[in-house]
Amino acid sequence: MISISVCEFTKFEELQVASQEFSTPLSSPTHFQDSKSKEPEGSTSWISWMKGNRGDQSSDNEGRSFKDETDKARVFDFIEMAQVVEDWYKQMPVITRSYLTAAVLTTVGCSLEIISPYNLYLNPRLVVKQYQIWRLITNFLYFRKMDLDFLFHMFFLARYCKLLEENSFRGRTADFFYMLLFGATVLTSIVLVGGMIPYLSESFAKIIFLSNSLTFMMVYVWSKRNPYIHMSFLGLFTFTAAYLPWVLLGFSVLVGASAWADLLGMVAGHVYYFLEDVYPRMTGRRPLKTPSFIKSLFADEPVVVAHPAQVRFAAPPIDEIRR
Protein backbone atom coordinates (compact mmCIF):
# COMPACT_ATOMS: atom_id res chain seq x y z
CA MET A 1 0.00 0.00 0.00
CA ILE A 2 2.83 2.32 0.77
CA SER A 3 4.58 1.59 -2.51
CA ILE A 4 1.53 2.45 -4.53
CA SER A 5 1.15 5.85 -2.90
CA VAL A 6 4.78 6.60 -3.65
CA CYS A 7 4.24 5.72 -7.30
CA GLU A 8 1.23 7.94 -7.51
CA PHE A 9 3.12 10.79 -5.90
CA THR A 10 5.90 10.43 -8.43
CA LYS A 11 3.51 10.55 -11.35
CA PHE A 12 1.90 13.66 -9.96
CA GLU A 13 5.24 15.43 -9.70
CA GLU A 14 6.10 14.53 -13.31
CA LEU A 15 2.80 15.95 -14.49
CA GLN A 16 3.39 19.08 -12.48
CA VAL A 17 6.82 19.58 -14.05
CA ALA A 18 5.41 18.93 -17.49
CA SER A 19 2.64 21.47 -16.94
CA GLN A 20 5.17 24.06 -15.85
CA GLU A 21 7.33 23.31 -18.84
CA PHE A 22 4.55 23.68 -21.40
CA SER A 23 3.20 26.80 -19.71
CA THR A 24 5.86 28.81 -21.55
CA PRO A 25 5.70 28.99 -25.38
CA LEU A 26 8.27 26.88 -27.18
CA SER A 27 9.48 29.79 -29.27
CA SER A 28 10.18 32.11 -26.38
CA PRO A 29 13.77 32.82 -25.23
CA THR A 30 12.80 31.90 -21.70
CA HIS A 31 11.84 28.37 -22.72
CA PHE A 32 15.07 27.96 -24.65
CA GLN A 33 17.17 29.14 -21.67
CA ASP A 34 15.28 26.95 -19.22
CA SER A 35 15.62 23.91 -21.44
CA LYS A 36 19.39 24.38 -21.66
CA SER A 37 19.70 24.68 -17.89
CA LYS A 38 17.51 21.62 -17.22
CA GLU A 39 19.13 19.45 -19.86
CA PRO A 40 20.85 16.46 -18.24
CA GLU A 41 24.25 15.24 -19.21
CA GLY A 42 24.36 12.77 -22.11
CA SER A 43 21.00 14.00 -23.45
CA THR A 44 20.29 13.61 -27.16
CA SER A 45 17.88 16.51 -27.53
CA TRP A 46 17.95 18.92 -30.44
CA ILE A 47 19.57 21.55 -28.21
CA SER A 48 22.47 19.23 -27.45
CA TRP A 49 22.72 18.39 -31.14
CA MET A 50 22.92 22.09 -32.07
CA LYS A 51 25.50 22.74 -29.39
CA GLY A 52 27.57 19.77 -30.45
CA ASN A 53 27.45 20.73 -34.12
CA ARG A 54 28.53 24.27 -33.35
CA GLY A 55 31.41 23.03 -31.18
CA ASP A 56 32.58 20.55 -33.79
CA GLN A 57 32.34 23.20 -36.46
CA SER A 58 34.50 25.62 -34.48
CA SER A 59 37.06 22.90 -33.73
CA ASP A 60 37.13 21.94 -37.41
CA ASN A 61 37.73 25.55 -38.37
CA GLU A 62 40.57 25.80 -35.87
CA GLY A 63 42.09 22.56 -37.18
CA ARG A 64 41.85 23.75 -40.77
CA SER A 65 43.44 27.09 -39.96
CA PHE A 66 46.27 25.36 -38.09
CA LYS A 67 46.81 22.99 -41.02
CA ASP A 68 46.83 25.88 -43.49
CA GLU A 69 49.40 27.73 -41.41
CA THR A 70 51.55 24.60 -41.18
CA ASP A 71 51.35 24.04 -44.94
CA LYS A 72 52.29 27.66 -45.59
CA ALA A 73 55.27 27.37 -43.25
CA ARG A 74 56.42 24.23 -45.06
CA VAL A 75 56.08 25.94 -48.42
CA PHE A 76 58.09 28.93 -47.21
CA ASP A 77 60.79 26.61 -45.80
CA PHE A 78 60.98 24.73 -49.10
CA ILE A 79 61.23 27.99 -51.07
CA GLU A 80 63.95 29.26 -48.75
CA MET A 81 65.90 26.01 -49.03
CA ALA A 82 65.55 26.05 -52.81
CA GLN A 83 66.82 29.63 -52.85
CA VAL A 84 69.86 28.63 -50.79
CA VAL A 85 70.64 25.74 -53.16
CA GLU A 86 70.21 28.03 -56.17
CA ASP A 87 72.56 30.65 -54.71
CA TRP A 88 75.13 27.95 -53.87
CA TYR A 89 74.92 26.60 -57.42
CA LYS A 90 75.24 30.02 -59.06
CA GLN A 91 78.26 30.93 -56.93
CA MET A 92 80.25 27.99 -58.28
CA PRO A 93 82.99 28.74 -60.83
CA VAL A 94 82.17 27.96 -64.44
CA ILE A 95 84.24 24.78 -64.85
CA THR A 96 83.11 23.26 -61.54
CA ARG A 97 79.48 24.09 -62.23
CA SER A 98 79.61 22.67 -65.75
CA TYR A 99 81.34 19.43 -64.75
CA LEU A 100 79.08 18.86 -61.74
CA THR A 101 75.94 19.46 -63.82
CA ALA A 102 77.06 17.12 -66.59
CA ALA A 103 78.02 14.39 -64.10
CA VAL A 104 74.72 14.56 -62.19
CA LEU A 105 72.58 14.64 -65.35
CA THR A 106 74.47 11.72 -66.90
CA THR A 107 74.28 9.56 -63.77
CA VAL A 108 70.61 10.35 -63.15
CA GLY A 109 69.81 9.68 -66.83
CA CYS A 110 71.43 6.25 -66.61
CA SER A 111 69.62 5.47 -63.35
CA LEU A 112 66.29 6.33 -64.99
CA GLU A 113 67.28 4.27 -68.06
CA ILE A 114 67.07 7.31 -70.31
CA ILE A 115 70.71 6.83 -71.28
CA SER A 116 72.45 3.47 -71.60
CA PRO A 117 75.86 3.12 -69.90
CA TYR A 118 76.89 0.85 -72.77
CA ASN A 119 77.01 3.95 -74.97
CA LEU A 120 79.26 5.80 -72.51
CA TYR A 121 82.02 3.47 -71.34
CA LEU A 122 85.57 3.61 -72.64
CA ASN A 123 86.13 1.14 -75.49
CA PRO A 124 89.26 1.76 -77.59
CA ARG A 125 88.11 -0.53 -80.41
CA LEU A 126 84.83 1.34 -80.86
CA VAL A 127 86.66 4.67 -80.70
CA VAL A 128 89.15 3.67 -83.40
CA LYS A 129 87.10 1.46 -85.70
CA GLN A 130 83.62 2.99 -85.42
CA TYR A 131 84.76 6.56 -84.63
CA GLN A 132 82.74 6.80 -81.41
CA ILE A 133 84.87 9.68 -80.18
CA TRP A 134 82.37 10.74 -77.51
CA ARG A 135 83.41 7.77 -75.38
CA LEU A 136 86.67 9.58 -74.58
CA ILE A 137 84.57 12.21 -72.77
CA THR A 138 81.46 10.43 -71.51
CA ASN A 139 83.41 7.87 -69.46
CA PHE A 140 84.43 10.79 -67.19
CA LEU A 141 80.79 11.79 -66.56
CA TYR A 142 79.20 8.57 -65.32
CA PHE A 143 79.64 7.72 -61.60
CA ARG A 144 77.97 4.30 -61.59
CA LYS A 145 75.05 3.79 -59.19
CA MET A 146 73.39 6.55 -57.18
CA ASP A 147 74.47 5.28 -53.77
CA LEU A 148 76.68 6.42 -50.91
CA ASP A 149 79.77 6.21 -53.08
CA PHE A 150 78.12 8.52 -55.62
CA LEU A 151 77.33 11.07 -52.89
CA PHE A 152 80.93 10.97 -51.65
CA HIS A 153 82.34 11.63 -55.12
CA MET A 154 79.85 14.42 -55.76
CA PHE A 155 80.96 15.99 -52.50
CA PHE A 156 84.62 15.67 -53.47
CA LEU A 157 83.91 17.08 -56.91
CA ALA A 158 81.90 20.05 -55.63
CA ARG A 159 84.34 20.84 -52.82
CA TYR A 160 87.88 20.29 -54.10
CA CYS A 161 87.22 21.20 -57.70
CA LYS A 162 85.70 24.45 -56.46
CA LEU A 163 88.59 25.10 -54.06
CA LEU A 164 91.14 24.59 -56.81
CA GLU A 165 89.35 26.82 -59.29
CA GLU A 166 88.72 29.60 -56.76
CA ASN A 167 92.13 29.59 -55.06
CA SER A 168 95.01 28.00 -56.98
CA PHE A 169 93.53 28.82 -60.39
CA ARG A 170 91.82 32.07 -59.49
CA GLY A 171 91.62 34.22 -62.62
CA ARG A 172 93.10 31.33 -64.68
CA THR A 173 90.08 29.39 -65.91
CA ALA A 174 91.90 28.28 -69.05
CA ASP A 175 94.75 26.80 -66.98
CA PHE A 176 92.28 24.89 -64.83
CA PHE A 177 90.52 23.50 -67.89
CA TYR A 178 93.90 22.48 -69.29
CA MET A 179 94.69 20.68 -66.03
CA LEU A 180 91.50 18.60 -66.37
CA LEU A 181 92.27 17.93 -70.01
CA PHE A 182 95.80 16.85 -69.15
CA GLY A 183 94.55 14.59 -66.35
CA ALA A 184 91.96 12.96 -68.60
CA THR A 185 94.63 12.34 -71.24
CA VAL A 186 97.02 10.79 -68.73
CA LEU A 187 94.33 8.52 -67.29
CA THR A 188 93.19 7.35 -70.71
CA SER A 189 96.79 6.66 -71.76
CA ILE A 190 97.46 4.64 -68.59
CA VAL A 191 94.41 2.46 -69.21
CA LEU A 192 95.30 1.91 -72.87
CA VAL A 193 98.94 1.10 -72.16
CA GLY A 194 98.06 -1.05 -69.15
CA GLY A 195 95.69 -3.09 -71.28
CA MET A 196 98.65 -4.15 -73.43
CA ILE A 197 100.74 -5.47 -70.54
CA PRO A 198 100.27 -9.26 -70.20
CA TYR A 199 99.91 -9.56 -66.43
CA LEU A 200 97.97 -6.33 -65.94
CA SER A 201 95.68 -6.41 -68.96
CA GLU A 202 92.82 -8.13 -67.10
CA SER A 203 92.85 -5.57 -64.31
CA PHE A 204 92.95 -2.60 -66.66
CA ALA A 205 90.25 -4.11 -68.89
CA LYS A 206 87.79 -3.78 -65.99
CA ILE A 207 88.37 -0.01 -65.79
CA ILE A 208 85.83 1.34 -68.25
CA PHE A 209 84.84 4.55 -66.40
CA LEU A 210 87.44 7.07 -65.22
CA SER A 211 85.20 9.62 -63.49
CA ASN A 212 86.28 8.55 -59.99
CA SER A 213 89.94 8.72 -61.01
CA LEU A 214 89.62 12.27 -62.35
CA THR A 215 87.89 13.38 -59.15
CA PHE A 216 90.63 11.77 -57.07
CA MET A 217 93.24 13.54 -59.15
CA MET A 218 91.81 16.92 -58.14
CA VAL A 219 91.83 15.85 -54.49
CA TYR A 220 95.50 14.88 -54.82
CA VAL A 221 96.52 18.17 -56.46
CA TRP A 222 94.65 20.18 -53.82
CA SER A 223 96.30 18.24 -51.00
CA LYS A 224 99.75 18.86 -52.47
CA ARG A 225 99.15 22.59 -52.74
CA ASN A 226 97.60 22.86 -49.26
CA PRO A 227 99.60 20.32 -47.23
CA TYR A 228 99.37 21.99 -43.80
CA ILE A 229 95.60 22.37 -43.46
CA HIS A 230 94.26 20.35 -40.54
CA MET A 231 91.36 18.04 -41.37
CA SER A 232 89.17 15.51 -39.57
CA PHE A 233 87.85 12.22 -40.91
CA LEU A 234 84.29 11.63 -39.67
CA GLY A 235 85.29 13.08 -36.31
CA LEU A 236 87.44 10.00 -35.57
CA PHE A 237 90.93 11.43 -36.01
CA THR A 238 92.67 14.52 -37.35
CA PHE A 239 95.42 14.78 -39.94
CA THR A 240 96.94 17.26 -42.34
CA ALA A 241 95.76 17.65 -45.92
CA ALA A 242 98.94 16.06 -47.27
CA TYR A 243 97.62 12.67 -46.11
CA LEU A 244 94.07 13.15 -47.43
CA PRO A 245 94.49 10.97 -50.56
CA TRP A 246 95.88 8.09 -48.49
CA VAL A 247 93.07 8.36 -45.95
CA LEU A 248 90.46 8.24 -48.70
CA LEU A 249 92.29 5.33 -50.34
CA GLY A 250 92.17 3.38 -47.08
CA PHE A 251 88.48 4.20 -46.68
CA SER A 252 87.77 2.86 -50.18
CA VAL A 253 89.52 -0.39 -49.30
CA LEU A 254 87.55 -0.71 -46.05
CA VAL A 255 84.16 -0.30 -47.75
CA GLY A 256 85.12 -2.89 -50.37
CA ALA A 257 85.54 -0.56 -53.36
CA SER A 258 88.25 -1.04 -55.96
CA ALA A 259 91.45 0.81 -55.18
CA TRP A 260 92.56 0.93 -58.82
CA ALA A 261 90.52 4.03 -59.62
CA ASP A 262 91.95 5.96 -56.66
CA LEU A 263 95.50 4.84 -57.45
CA LEU A 264 95.18 5.98 -61.06
CA GLY A 265 93.93 9.37 -59.86
CA MET A 266 96.92 9.67 -57.53
CA VAL A 267 99.33 8.82 -60.36
CA ALA A 268 97.78 11.38 -62.73
CA GLY A 269 97.70 14.01 -59.99
CA HIS A 270 101.35 13.43 -59.09
CA VAL A 271 102.42 13.70 -62.74
CA TYR A 272 100.64 17.03 -63.05
CA TYR A 273 101.98 18.30 -59.72
CA PHE A 274 105.55 17.40 -60.65
CA LEU A 275 105.42 18.96 -64.13
CA GLU A 276 103.57 22.10 -63.01
CA ASP A 277 105.02 22.86 -59.55
CA VAL A 278 108.22 20.88 -58.95
CA TYR A 279 109.93 20.76 -62.35
CA PRO A 280 109.69 24.54 -63.05
CA ARG A 281 111.39 25.24 -59.71
CA MET A 282 114.19 22.89 -60.59
CA THR A 283 114.83 24.00 -64.17
CA GLY A 284 112.99 27.29 -64.61
CA ARG A 285 110.97 25.84 -67.50
CA ARG A 286 107.26 25.13 -67.53
CA PRO A 287 106.34 22.19 -69.81
CA LEU A 288 102.57 22.41 -69.13
CA LYS A 289 102.01 25.88 -70.50
CA THR A 290 98.41 26.34 -71.56
CA PRO A 291 98.04 26.62 -75.36
CA SER A 292 96.86 29.92 -76.74
CA PHE A 293 93.80 28.45 -78.48
CA ILE A 294 92.50 27.18 -75.12
CA LYS A 295 93.09 30.58 -73.53
CA SER A 296 91.07 32.18 -76.31
CA LEU A 297 88.04 30.12 -75.22
CA PHE A 298 87.93 31.71 -71.77
CA ALA A 299 87.84 35.37 -70.86
CA ASP A 300 89.82 35.36 -67.62
CA GLU A 301 89.30 38.30 -65.31
CA PRO A 302 92.53 39.90 -64.15
CA VAL A 303 93.27 39.47 -60.45
CA VAL A 304 94.64 42.61 -58.80
CA VAL A 305 97.14 41.88 -56.04
CA ALA A 306 98.36 44.75 -53.89
CA HIS A 307 102.04 44.40 -53.07
CA PRO A 308 103.15 45.44 -49.56
CA ALA A 309 105.58 47.98 -50.94
CA GLN A 310 102.78 49.86 -52.68
CA VAL A 311 100.40 49.93 -49.71
CA ARG A 312 100.55 52.88 -47.33
CA PHE A 313 98.80 52.99 -43.98
CA ALA A 314 99.91 56.51 -43.01
CA ALA A 315 100.54 59.88 -44.59
CA PRO A 316 103.81 60.12 -46.55
CA PRO A 317 106.72 62.01 -44.97
CA ILE A 318 107.02 65.74 -45.55
CA ASP A 319 110.26 65.27 -47.52
CA GLU A 320 108.49 63.15 -50.14
CA ILE A 321 105.66 65.70 -50.46
CA ARG A 322 108.18 68.50 -51.07
CA ARG A 323 109.92 66.40 -53.72
Foldseek 3Di string as FASTA:
>chain_A
DVVVVVVVVVVVVVVVVVVVLVVDDPPDPVSVVVCVVPPDPPDDDPVVVVVVVVVVVVVVVVVVVVVVVVVVVVVVVVVVVVVVVVVLLVPFDDVLSVLLVQLVVVQVCCVVVVDPCVLAWDDVCCCPPVVSVNNLPSLQRYDPHPDPSVVVLSVLSNPLVRVCCCPVVALPPLLSVLLLVQLSVQLVVCLVVQCPDVVRVVVSVVSGHQNLLSSLLSLQLSCVVQFACWDDDVNPDIDTSNCVLVVVLVVCVVVPHDSPSSVSSNVSNVVCCCQAPVVCVVPVDRPSDRDPVSVVVDDGDDDDDDDPVNDDPDDDDPVVVVD
